[in-house]
C-alpha cells in the first residue's frame, strides 16, 4: 500500500512503522495548507530565548518535506499562526 502511494517504509522516533511520503513542494513559502501538499509550518526549534510566534500573529511558513517531519513548530493558516501553540513531534 505504501509503495502504491509512492512512499517508503520507515520508522517513527518511537519505532513504529510508518509510510513516509516526500512532498515535491518541500520548503516552498506558504500562507496555509492550501499552498502545500503536506502542512504549512513555521519551525520554532532553536534557542529558547527566541520568542515563539503567538496565535493570530501574521506569519509565513514553509511546506513540509515529508508526511512525518519531527521537530517543534506552529502551523500557519490564512497567513497567521493557528491557535494551540507550538507542537513538538519526535
C-alpha atoms as a PDB file:
ATOM      1  CA  UNK A   1       0.000   0.000   0.000  1.00  0.00           C
ATOM      2  CA  UNK A   2       2.787   2.448   0.910  1.00  0.00           C
ATOM      3  CA  UNK A   3       4.707   1.916  -2.335  1.00  0.00           C
ATOM      4  CA  UNK A   4       1.465   2.361  -4.291  1.00  0.00           C
ATOM      5  CA  UNK A   5       1.307   5.870  -2.752  1.00  0.00           C
ATOM      6  CA  UNK A   6       4.914   6.475  -3.942  1.00  0.00           C
ATOM      7  CA  UNK A   7       6.126   6.316  -0.348  1.00  0.00           C
ATOM      8  CA  UNK A   8       8.665   4.257   1.505  1.00  0.00           C
ATOM      9  CA  UNK A   9       8.523   2.268   4.734  1.00  0.00           C
ATOM     10  CA  UNK A  10      10.232   3.957   7.665  1.00  0.00           C
ATOM     11  CA  UNK A  11      10.088   4.091  11.462  1.00  0.00           C
ATOM     12  CA  UNK A  12       8.889   6.896  13.725  1.00  0.00           C
ATOM     13  CA  UNK A  13      11.095   8.164  16.555  1.00  0.00           C
ATOM     14  CA  UNK A  14       9.309   5.653  18.808  1.00  0.00           C
ATOM     15  CA  UNK A  15       9.996   2.744  16.442  1.00  0.00           C
ATOM     16  CA  UNK A  16       6.525   2.437  14.950  1.00  0.00           C
ATOM     17  CA  UNK A  17       6.332   1.600  11.231  1.00  0.00           C
ATOM     18  CA  UNK A  18       5.131   4.485   9.083  1.00  0.00           C
ATOM     19  CA  UNK A  19       4.636   5.152   5.406  1.00  0.00           C
ATOM     20  CA  UNK A  20       6.807   8.169   4.634  1.00  0.00           C
ATOM     21  CA  UNK A  21       5.874  10.360   1.678  1.00  0.00           C
ATOM     22  CA  UNK A  22       8.173  13.019   0.232  1.00  0.00           C
ATOM     23  CA  UNK A  23       6.420  16.174  -0.987  1.00  0.00           C
ATOM     24  CA  UNK A  24       7.616  17.853  -4.169  1.00  0.00           C
ATOM     25  CA  UNK A  25       6.871  21.361  -2.826  1.00  0.00           C
ATOM     26  CA  UNK A  26       9.098  20.918   0.248  1.00  0.00           C
ATOM     27  CA  UNK A  27      10.497  24.205   1.536  1.00  0.00           C
ATOM     28  CA  UNK A  28       8.161  26.413  -0.519  1.00  0.00           C
ATOM     29  CA  UNK A  29       6.991  29.544   1.295  1.00  0.00           C
ATOM     30  CA  UNK A  30       3.339  29.229   2.281  1.00  0.00           C
ATOM     31  CA  UNK A  31       0.452  31.041   3.932  1.00  0.00           C
ATOM     32  CA  UNK A  32      -1.629  27.950   4.690  1.00  0.00           C
ATOM     33  CA  UNK A  33      -2.406  24.297   3.976  1.00  0.00           C
ATOM     34  CA  UNK A  34      -3.844  25.102   0.527  1.00  0.00           C
ATOM     35  CA  UNK A  35      -0.346  26.125  -0.595  1.00  0.00           C
ATOM     36  CA  UNK A  36       1.207  22.738   0.287  1.00  0.00           C
ATOM     37  CA  UNK A  37       0.921  19.034  -0.380  1.00  0.00           C
ATOM     38  CA  UNK A  38       1.782  18.497   3.298  1.00  0.00           C
ATOM     39  CA  UNK A  39       1.460  21.097   6.049  1.00  0.00           C
ATOM     40  CA  UNK A  40       2.385  24.763   6.232  1.00  0.00           C
ATOM     41  CA  UNK A  41       4.619  25.153   9.291  1.00  0.00           C
ATOM     42  CA  UNK A  42       6.930  27.638  10.937  1.00  0.00           C
ATOM     43  CA  UNK A  43       9.746  25.962  12.857  1.00  0.00           C
ATOM     44  CA  UNK A  44      10.260  27.091  16.438  1.00  0.00           C
ATOM     45  CA  UNK A  45      13.272  24.836  17.004  1.00  0.00           C
ATOM     46  CA  UNK A  46      16.255  26.776  18.153  1.00  0.00           C
ATOM     47  CA  UNK A  47      17.307  28.944  21.070  1.00  0.00           C
ATOM     48  CA  UNK A  48      14.723  29.090  23.849  1.00  0.00           C
ATOM     49  CA  UNK A  49      15.267  32.822  24.207  1.00  0.00           C
ATOM     50  CA  UNK A  50      13.796  33.319  20.721  1.00  0.00           C
ATOM     51  CA  UNK A  51      10.162  34.377  21.234  1.00  0.00           C
ATOM     52  CA  UNK A  52       7.659  31.942  19.745  1.00  0.00           C
ATOM     53  CA  UNK A  53       5.007  33.471  17.496  1.00  0.00           C
ATOM     54  CA  UNK A  54       1.587  33.877  19.115  1.00  0.00           C
ATOM     55  CA  UNK A  55      -1.752  32.606  17.822  1.00  0.00           C
ATOM     56  CA  UNK A  56      -3.219  35.072  15.349  1.00  0.00           C
ATOM     57  CA  UNK A  57       0.132  36.694  14.582  1.00  0.00           C
ATOM     58  CA  UNK A  58       0.853  37.218  10.875  1.00  0.00           C
ATOM     59  CA  UNK A  59       3.441  34.740   9.627  1.00  0.00           C
ATOM     60  CA  UNK A  60       4.714  32.833   6.618  1.00  0.00           C
ATOM     61  CA  UNK A  61       5.679  29.184   6.842  1.00  0.00           C
ATOM     62  CA  UNK A  62       7.386  26.530   4.760  1.00  0.00           C
ATOM     63  CA  UNK A  63       5.763  23.461   3.231  1.00  0.00           C
ATOM     64  CA  UNK A  64       6.844  20.275   4.994  1.00  0.00           C
ATOM     65  CA  UNK A  65       9.241  17.946   3.210  1.00  0.00           C
ATOM     66  CA  UNK A  66       7.640  14.677   4.278  1.00  0.00           C
ATOM     67  CA  UNK A  67       4.495  13.308   5.908  1.00  0.00           C
ATOM     68  CA  UNK A  68       6.389  12.688   9.162  1.00  0.00           C
ATOM     69  CA  UNK A  69       8.503  15.748   9.899  1.00  0.00           C
ATOM     70  CA  UNK A  70       9.587  15.791  13.548  1.00  0.00           C
ATOM     71  CA  UNK A  71      10.560  18.958  15.373  1.00  0.00           C
ATOM     72  CA  UNK A  72       8.859  21.860  17.126  1.00  0.00           C
ATOM     73  CA  UNK A  73       6.624  24.087  15.033  1.00  0.00           C
ATOM     74  CA  UNK A  74       3.474  26.164  14.767  1.00  0.00           C
ATOM     75  CA  UNK A  75       1.056  25.704  11.905  1.00  0.00           C
ATOM     76  CA  UNK A  76       0.118  28.557   9.591  1.00  0.00           C
ATOM     77  CA  UNK A  77      -3.325  29.098   8.084  1.00  0.00           C
ATOM     78  CA  UNK A  78      -4.594  32.206   6.331  1.00  0.00           C
ATOM     79  CA  UNK A  79      -1.189  33.826   6.778  1.00  0.00           C
ATOM     80  CA  UNK A  80      -1.453  33.599  10.577  1.00  0.00           C
ATOM     81  CA  UNK A  81      -0.265  31.331  13.364  1.00  0.00           C
ATOM     82  CA  UNK A  82      -3.073  28.955  14.306  1.00  0.00           C
ATOM     83  CA  UNK A  83      -4.390  28.614  17.860  1.00  0.00           C
ATOM     84  CA  UNK A  84      -2.987  25.896  20.079  1.00  0.00           C
ATOM     85  CA  UNK A  85       0.635  26.969  20.374  1.00  0.00           C
ATOM     86  CA  UNK A  86       3.756  25.094  19.411  1.00  0.00           C
ATOM     87  CA  UNK A  87       3.667  21.368  18.694  1.00  0.00           C
ATOM     88  CA  UNK A  88       6.716  19.196  19.221  1.00  0.00           C
ATOM     89  CA  UNK A  89       6.884  15.824  17.477  1.00  0.00           C
ATOM     90  CA  UNK A  90       9.735  13.393  17.919  1.00  0.00           C
END
